[in-house]
Protein backbone atom coordinates (compact mmCIF):
# COMPACT_ATOMS: atom_id res chain seq x y z
CA UNK A 1 204.24 -7.39 193.61
CA UNK A 2 206.65 -4.26 194.47
CA UNK A 3 209.58 -4.22 192.81
CA UNK A 4 212.81 -4.14 195.18
CA UNK A 5 215.56 -1.56 194.65
CA UNK A 6 218.86 -2.91 194.58
CA UNK A 7 220.94 0.06 196.08
CA UNK A 8 218.46 -0.04 198.84
CA UNK A 9 218.97 -4.05 199.69
CA UNK A 10 222.68 -3.79 199.69
CA UNK A 11 222.67 -0.45 201.71
CA UNK A 12 220.43 -2.22 204.30
CA UNK A 13 222.65 -5.52 204.95
CA UNK A 14 225.95 -3.18 204.65
CA UNK A 15 224.32 -1.78 207.91
CA UNK A 16 223.38 -4.92 209.46
CA UNK A 17 226.84 -6.60 209.03
CA UNK A 18 228.26 -2.76 210.25
CA UNK A 19 226.17 -3.65 213.73
CA UNK A 20 227.26 -7.24 213.73
CA UNK A 21 231.24 -5.34 213.64
CA UNK A 22 230.85 -3.14 215.96
CA UNK A 23 229.06 -6.00 218.57
CA UNK A 24 231.48 -8.92 218.01
CA UNK A 25 235.28 -9.91 219.93
CA UNK A 26 236.08 -12.21 217.66
CA UNK A 27 239.20 -11.09 215.34
CA UNK A 28 238.54 -14.05 212.89
CA UNK A 29 234.78 -13.04 212.78
CA UNK A 30 235.99 -9.11 212.19
CA UNK A 31 238.01 -9.78 209.76
CA UNK A 32 235.49 -11.62 207.64
CA UNK A 33 233.09 -9.04 208.33
CA UNK A 34 234.91 -6.27 207.08
CA UNK A 35 235.67 -8.40 203.76
CA UNK A 36 232.25 -8.32 203.35
CA UNK A 37 231.66 -4.78 204.20
CA UNK A 38 234.39 -3.83 201.42
CA UNK A 39 232.73 -6.13 199.30
CA UNK A 40 228.88 -4.44 199.74
CA UNK A 41 230.84 -1.18 199.45
CA UNK A 42 231.70 -1.52 195.98
CA UNK A 43 228.12 -3.10 195.15
CA UNK A 44 226.45 -0.06 196.35
CA UNK A 45 229.21 1.91 193.72
CA UNK A 46 228.90 -0.16 190.64
CA UNK A 47 224.71 0.28 191.32
CA UNK A 48 225.52 3.74 191.89
CA UNK A 49 227.40 4.22 188.79
CA UNK A 50 224.57 2.51 186.98
CA UNK A 51 222.54 4.97 187.66
CA UNK A 52 224.02 7.96 186.29
CA UNK A 53 223.20 10.08 183.61
CA UNK A 54 226.14 11.26 180.92
C-alpha cells in the first residue's frame, strides 16, 4: 500500500473546488466553496510549515 501525501491530497481538493467555484452561478454555493477554499489554503500552509527545516 502506498503512502498518501497529505499536501497533494489537499491540493487536489483545492483544484477541484476551484473548478466548481468557477462553474457555478449560485451565489450561496460560491460563498460556501470560497470558504472551503480558504480552509484548504490554511491546511496547505500548515502542512508546508511542518516540512520546513529550522
